[in-house]
PDB file of N, CA and C in Angstrom:
ATOM      1  N   MET A   1      -5.512   1.892  37.640  1.00  0.00           N
ATOM      2  CA  MET A   1      -6.324   0.787  37.170  1.00  0.00           C
ATOM      3  C   MET A   1      -5.656   0.144  35.959  1.00  0.00           C
ATOM      4  N   LYS A   2      -5.654  -1.149  35.947  1.00  0.00           N
ATOM      5  CA  LYS A   2      -5.046  -1.921  34.866  1.00  0.00           C
ATOM      6  C   LYS A   2      -5.945  -1.900  33.636  1.00  0.00           C
ATOM      7  N   ALA A   3      -5.322  -1.711  32.472  1.00  0.00           N
ATOM      8  CA  ALA A   3      -6.082  -1.720  31.220  1.00  0.00           C
ATOM      9  C   ALA A   3      -6.606  -3.126  30.957  1.00  0.00           C
ATOM     10  N   PRO A   4      -7.797  -3.233  30.362  1.00  0.00           N
ATOM     11  CA  PRO A   4      -8.329  -4.561  30.057  1.00  0.00           C
ATOM     12  C   PRO A   4      -7.447  -5.287  29.044  1.00  0.00           C
ATOM     13  N   ARG A   5      -7.405  -6.605  29.170  1.00  0.00           N
ATOM     14  CA  ARG A   5      -6.624  -7.419  28.246  1.00  0.00           C
ATOM     15  C   ARG A   5      -7.111  -7.167  26.826  1.00  0.00           C
ATOM     16  N   GLY A   6      -6.164  -6.941  25.914  1.00  0.00           N
ATOM     17  CA  GLY A   6      -6.523  -6.688  24.531  1.00  0.00           C
ATOM     18  C   GLY A   6      -6.804  -5.231  24.231  1.00  0.00           C
ATOM     19  N   ALA A   7      -6.670  -4.358  25.224  1.00  0.00           N
ATOM     20  CA  ALA A   7      -6.915  -2.927  25.000  1.00  0.00           C
ATOM     21  C   ALA A   7      -5.856  -2.377  24.042  1.00  0.00           C
ATOM     22  N   ILE A   8      -6.256  -1.442  23.227  1.00  0.00           N
ATOM     23  CA  ILE A   8      -5.340  -0.807  22.274  1.00  0.00           C
ATOM     24  C   ILE A   8      -4.638   0.343  22.984  1.00  0.00           C
ATOM     25  N   HIS A   9      -3.311   0.336  22.957  1.00  0.00           N
ATOM     26  CA  HIS A   9      -2.518   1.382  23.606  1.00  0.00           C
ATOM     27  C   HIS A   9      -2.799   2.719  22.918  1.00  0.00           C
ATOM     28  N   ALA A  10      -2.870   3.765  23.700  1.00  0.00           N
ATOM     29  CA  ALA A  10      -3.188   5.103  23.192  1.00  0.00           C
ATOM     30  C   ALA A  10      -2.222   5.557  22.091  1.00  0.00           C
ATOM     31  N   ALA A  11      -0.980   5.119  22.156  1.00  0.00           N
ATOM     32  CA  ALA A  11       0.013   5.537  21.153  1.00  0.00           C
ATOM     33  C   ALA A  11      -0.292   5.002  19.760  1.00  0.00           C
ATOM     34  N   VAL A  12      -1.073   3.927  19.692  1.00  0.00           N
ATOM     35  CA  VAL A  12      -1.415   3.340  18.390  1.00  0.00           C
ATOM     36  C   VAL A  12      -2.925   3.232  18.218  1.00  0.00           C
ATOM     37  N   ALA A  13      -3.649   4.054  18.932  1.00  0.00           N
ATOM     38  CA  ALA A  13      -5.115   4.015  18.884  1.00  0.00           C
ATOM     39  C   ALA A  13      -5.628   4.335  17.480  1.00  0.00           C
ATOM     40  N   PRO A  14      -6.724   3.704  17.093  1.00  0.00           N
ATOM     41  CA  PRO A  14      -7.311   3.976  15.778  1.00  0.00           C
ATOM     42  C   PRO A  14      -7.720   5.442  15.645  1.00  0.00           C
ATOM     43  N   GLU A  15      -7.606   5.929  14.439  1.00  0.00           N
ATOM     44  CA  GLU A  15      -8.001   7.305  14.134  1.00  0.00           C
ATOM     45  C   GLU A  15      -8.961   7.296  12.953  1.00  0.00           C
ATOM     46  N   GLY A  16      -9.811   8.303  12.901  1.00  0.00           N
ATOM     47  CA  GLY A  16     -10.700   8.479  11.750  1.00  0.00           C
ATOM     48  C   GLY A  16     -11.434   7.216  11.380  1.00  0.00           C
ATOM     49  N   ASP A  17     -11.247   6.794  10.106  1.00  0.00           N
ATOM     50  CA  ASP A  17     -11.951   5.601   9.668  1.00  0.00           C
ATOM     51  C   ASP A  17     -11.048   4.368   9.637  1.00  0.00           C
ATOM     52  N   ASP A  18     -10.054   4.313  10.563  1.00  0.00           N
ATOM     53  CA  ASP A  18      -9.251   3.100  10.705  1.00  0.00           C
ATOM     54  C   ASP A  18     -10.178   1.931  11.032  1.00  0.00           C
ATOM     55  N   ILE A  19      -9.830   0.782  10.514  1.00  0.00           N
ATOM     56  CA  ILE A  19     -10.623  -0.422  10.756  1.00  0.00           C
ATOM     57  C   ILE A  19     -10.011  -1.205  11.911  1.00  0.00           C
ATOM     58  N   VAL A  20     -10.833  -1.628  12.835  1.00  0.00           N
ATOM     59  CA  VAL A  20     -10.383  -2.425  13.973  1.00  0.00           C
ATOM     60  C   VAL A  20     -10.994  -3.821  13.838  1.00  0.00           C
ATOM     61  N   ILE A  21     -10.151  -4.830  13.888  1.00  0.00           N
ATOM     62  CA  ILE A  21     -10.585  -6.218  13.812  1.00  0.00           C
ATOM     63  C   ILE A  21     -10.437  -6.827  15.208  1.00  0.00           C
ATOM     64  N   THR A  22     -11.478  -7.410  15.723  1.00  0.00           N
ATOM     65  CA  THR A  22     -11.413  -8.080  17.018  1.00  0.00           C
ATOM     66  C   THR A  22     -11.250  -9.571  16.784  1.00  0.00           C
ATOM     67  N   LYS A  23     -10.113 -10.110  17.244  1.00  0.00           N
ATOM     68  CA  LYS A  23      -9.840 -11.538  17.090  1.00  0.00           C
ATOM     69  C   LYS A  23     -10.653 -12.343  18.080  1.00  0.00           C
ATOM     70  N   HIS A  24     -11.039 -13.543  17.645  1.00  0.00           N
ATOM     71  CA  HIS A  24     -11.761 -14.458  18.518  1.00  0.00           C
ATOM     72  C   HIS A  24     -11.026 -15.778  18.670  1.00  0.00           C
ATOM     73  N   ARG A  25     -10.006 -15.987  17.862  1.00  0.00           N
ATOM     74  CA  ARG A  25      -9.217 -17.221  17.872  1.00  0.00           C
ATOM     75  C   ARG A  25      -7.748 -16.828  17.964  1.00  0.00           C
ATOM     76  N   VAL A  26      -6.851 -17.802  17.892  1.00  0.00           N
ATOM     77  CA  VAL A  26      -5.423 -17.504  17.985  1.00  0.00           C
ATOM     78  C   VAL A  26      -4.970 -16.687  16.779  1.00  0.00           C
ATOM     79  N   GLY A  27      -5.302 -17.139  15.581  1.00  0.00           N
ATOM     80  CA  GLY A  27      -4.926 -16.414  14.372  1.00  0.00           C
ATOM     81  C   GLY A  27      -5.855 -15.240  14.119  1.00  0.00           C
ATOM     82  N   ALA A  28      -5.437 -14.347  13.270  1.00  0.00           N
ATOM     83  CA  ALA A  28      -6.215 -13.134  12.986  1.00  0.00           C
ATOM     84  C   ALA A  28      -7.372 -13.359  12.016  1.00  0.00           C
ATOM     85  N   PHE A  29      -7.371 -14.465  11.274  1.00  0.00           N
ATOM     86  CA  PHE A  29      -8.395 -14.668  10.246  1.00  0.00           C
ATOM     87  C   PHE A  29      -9.673 -15.374  10.700  1.00  0.00           C
ATOM     88  N   PRO A  30      -9.578 -16.515  11.388  1.00  0.00           N
ATOM     89  CA  PRO A  30     -10.816 -17.246  11.715  1.00  0.00           C
ATOM     90  C   PRO A  30     -11.791 -16.420  12.565  1.00  0.00           C
ATOM     91  N   GLY A  31     -13.035 -16.406  12.143  1.00  0.00           N
ATOM     92  CA  GLY A  31     -14.069 -15.730  12.905  1.00  0.00           C
ATOM     93  C   GLY A  31     -14.097 -14.222  12.772  1.00  0.00           C
ATOM     94  N   THR A  32     -13.324 -13.683  11.807  1.00  0.00           N
ATOM     95  CA  THR A  32     -13.308 -12.233  11.594  1.00  0.00           C
ATOM     96  C   THR A  32     -13.593 -11.910  10.134  1.00  0.00           C
ATOM     97  N   ASP A  33     -13.761 -10.641   9.857  1.00  0.00           N
ATOM     98  CA  ASP A  33     -13.954 -10.160   8.484  1.00  0.00           C
ATOM     99  C   ASP A  33     -12.636  -9.717   7.853  1.00  0.00           C
ATOM    100  N   LEU A  34     -11.517 -10.080   8.456  1.00  0.00           N
ATOM    101  CA  LEU A  34     -10.216  -9.580   7.993  1.00  0.00           C
ATOM    102  C   LEU A  34      -9.966  -9.865   6.522  1.00  0.00           C
ATOM    103  N   GLU A  35     -10.146 -11.088   6.101  1.00  0.00           N
ATOM    104  CA  GLU A  35      -9.846 -11.413   4.696  1.00  0.00           C
ATOM    105  C   GLU A  35     -10.736 -10.629   3.736  1.00  0.00           C
ATOM    106  N   MET A  36     -12.018 -10.513   4.040  1.00  0.00           N
ATOM    107  CA  MET A  36     -12.930  -9.753   3.194  1.00  0.00           C
ATOM    108  C   MET A  36     -12.481  -8.280   3.109  1.00  0.00           C
ATOM    109  N   ILE A  37     -12.074  -7.718   4.219  1.00  0.00           N
ATOM    110  CA  ILE A  37     -11.636  -6.316   4.245  1.00  0.00           C
ATOM    111  C   ILE A  37     -10.351  -6.142   3.450  1.00  0.00           C
ATOM    112  N   LEU A  38      -9.405  -7.048   3.622  1.00  0.00           N
ATOM    113  CA  LEU A  38      -8.147  -6.975   2.871  1.00  0.00           C
ATOM    114  C   LEU A  38      -8.399  -7.090   1.367  1.00  0.00           C
ATOM    115  N   ARG A  39      -9.183  -8.078   0.969  1.00  0.00           N
ATOM    116  CA  ARG A  39      -9.467  -8.287  -0.462  1.00  0.00           C
ATOM    117  C   ARG A  39     -10.243  -7.112  -1.048  1.00  0.00           C
ATOM    118  N   ALA A  40     -11.197  -6.572  -0.306  1.00  0.00           N
ATOM    119  CA  ALA A  40     -11.986  -5.432  -0.795  1.00  0.00           C
ATOM    120  C   ALA A  40     -11.120  -4.196  -0.996  1.00  0.00           C
ATOM    121  N   ASN A  41     -10.008  -4.135  -0.280  1.00  0.00           N
ATOM    122  CA  ASN A  41      -9.099  -2.989  -0.402  1.00  0.00           C
ATOM    123  C   ASN A  41      -7.859  -3.318  -1.229  1.00  0.00           C
ATOM    124  N   ASP A  42      -7.911  -4.433  -1.977  1.00  0.00           N
ATOM    125  CA  ASP A  42      -6.819  -4.872  -2.848  1.00  0.00           C
ATOM    126  C   ASP A  42      -5.473  -4.964  -2.126  1.00  0.00           C
ATOM    127  N   ILE A  43      -5.492  -5.402  -0.884  1.00  0.00           N
ATOM    128  CA  ILE A  43      -4.259  -5.577  -0.110  1.00  0.00           C
ATOM    129  C   ILE A  43      -3.770  -7.001  -0.328  1.00  0.00           C
ATOM    130  N   ASP A  44      -2.527  -7.124  -0.803  1.00  0.00           N
ATOM    131  CA  ASP A  44      -1.988  -8.450  -1.091  1.00  0.00           C
ATOM    132  C   ASP A  44      -0.713  -8.761  -0.314  1.00  0.00           C
ATOM    133  N   THR A  45      -0.248  -7.809   0.483  1.00  0.00           N
ATOM    134  CA  THR A  45       0.964  -7.981   1.270  1.00  0.00           C
ATOM    135  C   THR A  45       0.658  -7.676   2.734  1.00  0.00           C
ATOM    136  N   LEU A  46       1.098  -8.562   3.614  1.00  0.00           N
ATOM    137  CA  LEU A  46       0.892  -8.370   5.041  1.00  0.00           C
ATOM    138  C   LEU A  46       2.236  -8.318   5.753  1.00  0.00           C
ATOM    139  N   ILE A  47       2.344  -7.428   6.710  1.00  0.00           N
ATOM    140  CA  ILE A  47       3.534  -7.291   7.527  1.00  0.00           C
ATOM    141  C   ILE A  47       3.145  -7.770   8.919  1.00  0.00           C
ATOM    142  N   LEU A  48       3.800  -8.832   9.371  1.00  0.00           N
ATOM    143  CA  LEU A  48       3.420  -9.472  10.618  1.00  0.00           C
ATOM    144  C   LEU A  48       4.463  -9.269  11.703  1.00  0.00           C
ATOM    145  N   PHE A  49       3.985  -8.998  12.907  1.00  0.00           N
ATOM    146  CA  PHE A  49       4.823  -8.955  14.101  1.00  0.00           C
ATOM    147  C   PHE A  49       3.904  -9.019  15.299  1.00  0.00           C
ATOM    148  N   GLY A  50       4.435  -9.401  16.435  1.00  0.00           N
ATOM    149  CA  GLY A  50       3.598  -9.436  17.629  1.00  0.00           C
ATOM    150  C   GLY A  50       3.950 -10.547  18.578  1.00  0.00           C
ATOM    151  N   ILE A  51       3.052 -10.735  19.522  1.00  0.00           N
ATOM    152  CA  ILE A  51       3.189 -11.748  20.553  1.00  0.00           C
ATOM    153  C   ILE A  51       2.051 -12.726  20.331  1.00  0.00           C
ATOM    154  N   ALA A  52       2.217 -13.900  20.280  1.00  0.00           N
ATOM    155  CA  ALA A  52       3.388 -14.730  20.486  1.00  0.00           C
ATOM    156  C   ALA A  52       3.794 -15.342  19.140  1.00  0.00           C
ATOM    157  N   THR A  53       5.103 -15.419  18.955  1.00  0.00           N
ATOM    158  CA  THR A  53       5.623 -15.943  17.695  1.00  0.00           C
ATOM    159  C   THR A  53       5.038 -17.322  17.392  1.00  0.00           C
ATOM    160  N   SER A  54       4.953 -18.176  18.404  1.00  0.00           N
ATOM    161  CA  SER A  54       4.467 -19.546  18.195  1.00  0.00           C
ATOM    162  C   SER A  54       2.948 -19.654  18.252  1.00  0.00           C
ATOM    163  N   GLY A  55       2.270 -18.549  18.465  1.00  0.00           N
ATOM    164  CA  GLY A  55       0.811 -18.555  18.529  1.00  0.00           C
ATOM    165  C   GLY A  55       0.214 -17.691  17.443  1.00  0.00           C
ATOM    166  N   VAL A  56      -0.049 -16.452  17.768  1.00  0.00           N
ATOM    167  CA  VAL A  56      -0.726 -15.530  16.850  1.00  0.00           C
ATOM    168  C   VAL A  56       0.038 -15.360  15.546  1.00  0.00           C
ATOM    169  N   VAL A  57       1.338 -15.107  15.634  1.00  0.00           N
ATOM    170  CA  VAL A  57       2.112 -14.855  14.412  1.00  0.00           C
ATOM    171  C   VAL A  57       2.130 -16.095  13.530  1.00  0.00           C
ATOM    172  N   LEU A  58       2.423 -17.244  14.113  1.00  0.00           N
ATOM    173  CA  LEU A  58       2.459 -18.495  13.345  1.00  0.00           C
ATOM    174  C   LEU A  58       1.101 -18.811  12.726  1.00  0.00           C
ATOM    175  N   SER A  59       0.038 -18.736  13.506  1.00  0.00           N
ATOM    176  CA  SER A  59      -1.297 -19.065  12.992  1.00  0.00           C
ATOM    177  C   SER A  59      -1.718 -18.116  11.878  1.00  0.00           C
ATOM    178  N   THR A  60      -1.458 -16.843  12.071  1.00  0.00           N
ATOM    179  CA  THR A  60      -1.831 -15.850  11.064  1.00  0.00           C
ATOM    180  C   THR A  60      -0.999 -16.023   9.802  1.00  0.00           C
ATOM    181  N   LEU A  61       0.300 -16.269   9.960  1.00  0.00           N
ATOM    182  CA  LEU A  61       1.176 -16.471   8.801  1.00  0.00           C
ATOM    183  C   LEU A  61       0.741 -17.677   7.985  1.00  0.00           C
ATOM    184  N   ARG A  62       0.433 -18.776   8.642  1.00  0.00           N
ATOM    185  CA  ARG A  62       0.060 -19.990   7.909  1.00  0.00           C
ATOM    186  C   ARG A  62      -1.227 -19.791   7.124  1.00  0.00           C
ATOM    187  N   HIS A  63      -2.218 -19.151   7.737  1.00  0.00           N
ATOM    188  CA  HIS A  63      -3.473 -18.893   7.030  1.00  0.00           C
ATOM    189  C   HIS A  63      -3.226 -17.944   5.858  1.00  0.00           C
ATOM    190  N   ALA A  64      -2.484 -16.883   6.107  1.00  0.00           N
ATOM    191  CA  ALA A  64      -2.233 -15.897   5.054  1.00  0.00           C
ATOM    192  C   ALA A  64      -1.432 -16.502   3.899  1.00  0.00           C
ATOM    193  N   ALA A  65      -0.476 -17.347   4.208  1.00  0.00           N
ATOM    194  CA  ALA A  65       0.299 -18.000   3.152  1.00  0.00           C
ATOM    195  C   ALA A  65      -0.590 -18.930   2.333  1.00  0.00           C
ATOM    196  N   ASP A  66      -1.482 -19.640   3.001  1.00  0.00           N
ATOM    197  CA  ASP A  66      -2.395 -20.550   2.300  1.00  0.00           C
ATOM    198  C   ASP A  66      -3.382 -19.811   1.402  1.00  0.00           C
ATOM    199  N   THR A  67      -3.597 -18.532   1.672  1.00  0.00           N
ATOM    200  CA  THR A  67      -4.528 -17.742   0.860  1.00  0.00           C
ATOM    201  C   THR A  67      -3.790 -16.736  -0.013  1.00  0.00           C
ATOM    202  N   ASP A  68      -2.505 -17.018  -0.260  1.00  0.00           N
ATOM    203  CA  ASP A  68      -1.693 -16.340  -1.271  1.00  0.00           C
ATOM    204  C   ASP A  68      -1.335 -14.885  -0.995  1.00  0.00           C
ATOM    205  N   TYR A  69      -1.244 -14.491   0.274  1.00  0.00           N
ATOM    206  CA  TYR A  69      -0.725 -13.157   0.585  1.00  0.00           C
ATOM    207  C   TYR A  69       0.793 -13.204   0.528  1.00  0.00           C
ATOM    208  N   ARG A  70       1.397 -12.093   0.120  1.00  0.00           N
ATOM    209  CA  ARG A  70       2.842 -11.928   0.258  1.00  0.00           C
ATOM    210  C   ARG A  70       3.073 -11.524   1.707  1.00  0.00           C
ATOM    211  N   LEU A  71       4.092 -12.110   2.331  1.00  0.00           N
ATOM    212  CA  LEU A  71       4.271 -11.922   3.763  1.00  0.00           C
ATOM    213  C   LEU A  71       5.656 -11.427   4.128  1.00  0.00           C
ATOM    214  N   ILE A  72       5.678 -10.518   5.071  1.00  0.00           N
ATOM    215  CA  ILE A  72       6.921 -10.027   5.659  1.00  0.00           C
ATOM    216  C   ILE A  72       6.759 -10.176   7.169  1.00  0.00           C
ATOM    217  N   VAL A  73       7.751 -10.765   7.809  1.00  0.00           N
ATOM    218  CA  VAL A  73       7.751 -10.886   9.264  1.00  0.00           C
ATOM    219  C   VAL A  73       8.893 -10.029   9.801  1.00  0.00           C
ATOM    220  N   ILE A  74       8.575  -9.168  10.749  1.00  0.00           N
ATOM    221  CA  ILE A  74       9.583  -8.337  11.407  1.00  0.00           C
ATOM    222  C   ILE A  74      10.045  -9.119  12.643  1.00  0.00           C
ATOM    223  N   LYS A  75      11.169  -9.803  12.493  1.00  0.00           N
ATOM    224  CA  LYS A  75      11.575 -10.795  13.496  1.00  0.00           C
ATOM    225  C   LYS A  75      11.874 -10.221  14.872  1.00  0.00           C
ATOM    226  N   ASP A  76      12.449  -9.037  14.939  1.00  0.00           N
ATOM    227  CA  ASP A  76      12.766  -8.484  16.252  1.00  0.00           C
ATOM    228  C   ASP A  76      11.613  -7.688  16.852  1.00  0.00           C
ATOM    229  N   CYS A  77      10.465  -7.743  16.200  1.00  0.00           N
ATOM    230  CA  CYS A  77       9.227  -7.176  16.763  1.00  0.00           C
ATOM    231  C   CYS A  77       8.249  -8.297  17.101  1.00  0.00           C
ATOM    232  N   CYS A  78       8.766  -9.528  17.147  1.00  0.00           N
ATOM    233  CA  CYS A  78       8.003 -10.689  17.582  1.00  0.00           C
ATOM    234  C   CYS A  78       8.619 -11.167  18.891  1.00  0.00           C
ATOM    235  N   ALA A  79       7.802 -11.793  19.704  1.00  0.00           N
ATOM    236  CA  ALA A  79       8.304 -12.331  20.961  1.00  0.00           C
ATOM    237  C   ALA A  79       7.570 -13.619  21.289  1.00  0.00           C
ATOM    238  N   ASP A  80       8.242 -14.458  22.054  1.00  0.00           N
ATOM    239  CA  ASP A  80       7.647 -15.703  22.491  1.00  0.00           C
ATOM    240  C   ASP A  80       8.221 -16.039  23.864  1.00  0.00           C
ATOM    241  N   SER A  81       7.471 -16.725  24.677  1.00  0.00           N
ATOM    242  CA  SER A  81       7.959 -17.092  26.009  1.00  0.00           C
ATOM    243  C   SER A  81       9.101 -18.103  25.928  1.00  0.00           C
ATOM    244  N   ASP A  82       9.238 -18.755  24.782  1.00  0.00           N
ATOM    245  CA  ASP A  82      10.312 -19.725  24.575  1.00  0.00           C
ATOM    246  C   ASP A  82      11.244 -19.189  23.484  1.00  0.00           C
ATOM    247  N   ALA A  83      12.406 -18.692  23.883  1.00  0.00           N
ATOM    248  CA  ALA A  83      13.351 -18.076  22.940  1.00  0.00           C
ATOM    249  C   ALA A  83      13.813 -19.057  21.869  1.00  0.00           C
ATOM    250  N   GLU A  84      13.950 -20.323  22.230  1.00  0.00           N
ATOM    251  CA  GLU A  84      14.398 -21.331  21.263  1.00  0.00           C
ATOM    252  C   GLU A  84      13.337 -21.569  20.188  1.00  0.00           C
ATOM    253  N   VAL A  85      12.083 -21.627  20.573  1.00  0.00           N
ATOM    254  CA  VAL A  85      10.995 -21.793  19.610  1.00  0.00           C
ATOM    255  C   VAL A  85      10.917 -20.556  18.709  1.00  0.00           C
ATOM    256  N   HIS A  86      11.014 -19.366  19.294  1.00  0.00           N
ATOM    257  CA  HIS A  86      11.005 -18.118  18.510  1.00  0.00           C
ATOM    258  C   HIS A  86      12.109 -18.165  17.450  1.00  0.00           C
ATOM    259  N   ALA A  87      13.327 -18.506  17.873  1.00  0.00           N
ATOM    260  CA  ALA A  87      14.464 -18.545  16.941  1.00  0.00           C
ATOM    261  C   ALA A  87      14.230 -19.551  15.823  1.00  0.00           C
ATOM    262  N   CYS A  88      13.722 -20.720  16.167  1.00  0.00           N
ATOM    263  CA  CYS A  88      13.446 -21.746  15.153  1.00  0.00           C
ATOM    264  C   CYS A  88      12.423 -21.238  14.132  1.00  0.00           C
ATOM    265  N   LEU A  89      11.373 -20.607  14.626  1.00  0.00           N
ATOM    266  CA  LEU A  89      10.335 -20.109  13.714  1.00  0.00           C
ATOM    267  C   LEU A  89      10.871 -19.025  12.791  1.00  0.00           C
ATOM    268  N   VAL A  90      11.521 -18.004  13.344  1.00  0.00           N
ATOM    269  CA  VAL A  90      11.951 -16.883  12.492  1.00  0.00           C
ATOM    270  C   VAL A  90      13.156 -17.236  11.625  1.00  0.00           C
ATOM    271  N   ASP A  91      13.967 -18.204  12.059  1.00  0.00           N
ATOM    272  CA  ASP A  91      15.153 -18.560  11.283  1.00  0.00           C
ATOM    273  C   ASP A  91      14.936 -19.707  10.300  1.00  0.00           C
ATOM    274  N   LYS A  92      14.004 -20.625  10.626  1.00  0.00           N
ATOM    275  CA  LYS A  92      13.863 -21.824   9.799  1.00  0.00           C
ATOM    276  C   LYS A  92      12.478 -22.018   9.187  1.00  0.00           C
ATOM    277  N   VAL A  93      11.429 -21.728   9.932  1.00  0.00           N
ATOM    278  CA  VAL A  93      10.075 -22.020   9.450  1.00  0.00           C
ATOM    279  C   VAL A  93       9.505 -20.870   8.633  1.00  0.00           C
ATOM    280  N   PHE A  94       9.480 -19.683   9.193  1.00  0.00           N
ATOM    281  CA  PHE A  94       8.864 -18.540   8.504  1.00  0.00           C
ATOM    282  C   PHE A  94       9.497 -18.230   7.147  1.00  0.00           C
ATOM    283  N   PRO A  95      10.836 -18.342   6.990  1.00  0.00           N
ATOM    284  CA  PRO A  95      11.421 -18.018   5.673  1.00  0.00           C
ATOM    285  C   PRO A  95      10.919 -18.884   4.521  1.00  0.00           C
ATOM    286  N   ARG A  96      10.278 -19.994   4.822  1.00  0.00           N
ATOM    287  CA  ARG A  96       9.713 -20.839   3.764  1.00  0.00           C
ATOM    288  C   ARG A  96       8.492 -20.186   3.116  1.00  0.00           C
ATOM    289  N   GLN A  97       7.828 -19.285   3.856  1.00  0.00           N
ATOM    290  CA  GLN A  97       6.607 -18.672   3.339  1.00  0.00           C
ATOM    291  C   GLN A  97       6.598 -17.152   3.433  1.00  0.00           C
ATOM    292  N   ALA A  98       7.648 -16.576   3.990  1.00  0.00           N
ATOM    293  CA  ALA A  98       7.662 -15.126   4.187  1.00  0.00           C
ATOM    294  C   ALA A  98       9.082 -14.600   4.064  1.00  0.00           C
ATOM    295  N   THR A  99       9.165 -13.313   3.811  1.00  0.00           N
ATOM    296  CA  THR A  99      10.440 -12.621   3.912  1.00  0.00           C
ATOM    297  C   THR A  99      10.585 -12.209   5.373  1.00  0.00           C
ATOM    298  N   VAL A 100      11.682 -12.595   5.996  1.00  0.00           N
ATOM    299  CA  VAL A 100      11.904 -12.294   7.411  1.00  0.00           C
ATOM    300  C   VAL A 100      13.019 -11.264   7.507  1.00  0.00           C
ATOM    301  N   VAL A 101      12.716 -10.137   8.131  1.00  0.00           N
ATOM    302  CA  VAL A 101      13.673  -9.037   8.236  1.00  0.00           C
ATOM    303  C   VAL A 101      13.645  -8.446   9.643  1.00  0.00           C
ATOM    304  N   SER A 102      14.668  -7.664   9.950  1.00  0.00           N
ATOM    305  CA  SER A 102      14.681  -6.923  11.214  1.00  0.00           C
ATOM    306  C   SER A 102      13.908  -5.625  11.020  1.00  0.00           C
ATOM    307  N   ALA A 103      13.577  -4.981  12.114  1.00  0.00           N
ATOM    308  CA  ALA A 103      12.862  -3.702  12.050  1.00  0.00           C
ATOM    309  C   ALA A 103      13.700  -2.667  11.304  1.00  0.00           C
ATOM    310  N   SER A 104      14.994  -2.627  11.560  1.00  0.00           N
ATOM    311  CA  SER A 104      15.834  -1.632  10.873  1.00  0.00           C
ATOM    312  C   SER A 104      15.913  -1.913   9.374  1.00  0.00           C
ATOM    313  N   GLU A 105      15.983  -3.170   8.984  1.00  0.00           N
ATOM    314  CA  GLU A 105      15.979  -3.510   7.555  1.00  0.00           C
ATOM    315  C   GLU A 105      14.659  -3.093   6.910  1.00  0.00           C
ATOM    316  N   PHE A 106      13.573  -3.325   7.612  1.00  0.00           N
ATOM    317  CA  PHE A 106      12.262  -2.948   7.089  1.00  0.00           C
ATOM    318  C   PHE A 106      12.157  -1.432   6.920  1.00  0.00           C
ATOM    319  N   LEU A 107      12.563  -0.684   7.930  1.00  0.00           N
ATOM    320  CA  LEU A 107      12.504   0.786   7.856  1.00  0.00           C
ATOM    321  C   LEU A 107      13.416   1.323   6.761  1.00  0.00           C
ATOM    322  N   ASP A 108      14.594   0.730   6.608  1.00  0.00           N
ATOM    323  CA  ASP A 108      15.512   1.146   5.528  1.00  0.00           C
ATOM    324  C   ASP A 108      14.870   0.897   4.162  1.00  0.00           C
ATOM    325  N   ALA A 109      14.193  -0.233   3.999  1.00  0.00           N
ATOM    326  CA  ALA A 109      13.519  -0.533   2.736  1.00  0.00           C
ATOM    327  C   ALA A 109      12.403   0.461   2.469  1.00  0.00           C
ATOM    328  N   LEU A 110      11.669   0.838   3.497  1.00  0.00           N
ATOM    329  CA  LEU A 110      10.603   1.843   3.326  1.00  0.00           C
ATOM    330  C   LEU A 110      11.173   3.184   2.886  1.00  0.00           C
ATOM    331  N   LYS A 111      12.277   3.577   3.510  1.00  0.00           N
ATOM    332  CA  LYS A 111      12.916   4.857   3.174  1.00  0.00           C
ATOM    333  C   LYS A 111      13.409   4.864   1.738  1.00  0.00           C
ATOM    334  N   SER A 112      13.964   3.744   1.288  1.00  0.00           N
ATOM    335  CA  SER A 112      14.503   3.691  -0.075  1.00  0.00           C
ATOM    336  C   SER A 112      13.416   3.654  -1.144  1.00  0.00           C
ATOM    337  N   HIS A 113      12.185   3.283  -0.759  1.00  0.00           N
ATOM    338  CA  HIS A 113      11.058   3.249  -1.691  1.00  0.00           C
ATOM    339  C   HIS A 113      10.130   4.448  -1.529  1.00  0.00           C
ATOM    340  N   GLY A 114      10.444   5.307  -0.564  1.00  0.00           N
ATOM    341  CA  GLY A 114       9.561   6.437  -0.252  1.00  0.00           C
ATOM    342  C   GLY A 114       9.811   7.596  -1.089  1.00  0.00           C
TER     343      GLY A 114
END
């Protein structure tokens, strides 16, 4: 049986008191409690990746940048049905409002600060 659209894969399933946000729009913020939860937990930096670069990632990044979050985009953990649009976003648009790095660069930075 096929998993329902939007189902959380067992490998990354929430545990304990993890918070799950259900999106209702393209971006992660509109129509959700995400911003309230982030602010209540003093979170000021967001790490973005996912599908689709020109949809969810772009919409979420723009809202988060407008509300003064520090942003990191993991470029090789984003995907889009249009490779040219993906490349334009991660190479030209996103760097104006976010730090754009590869997954290996991100993991190396975590290790050096751990």
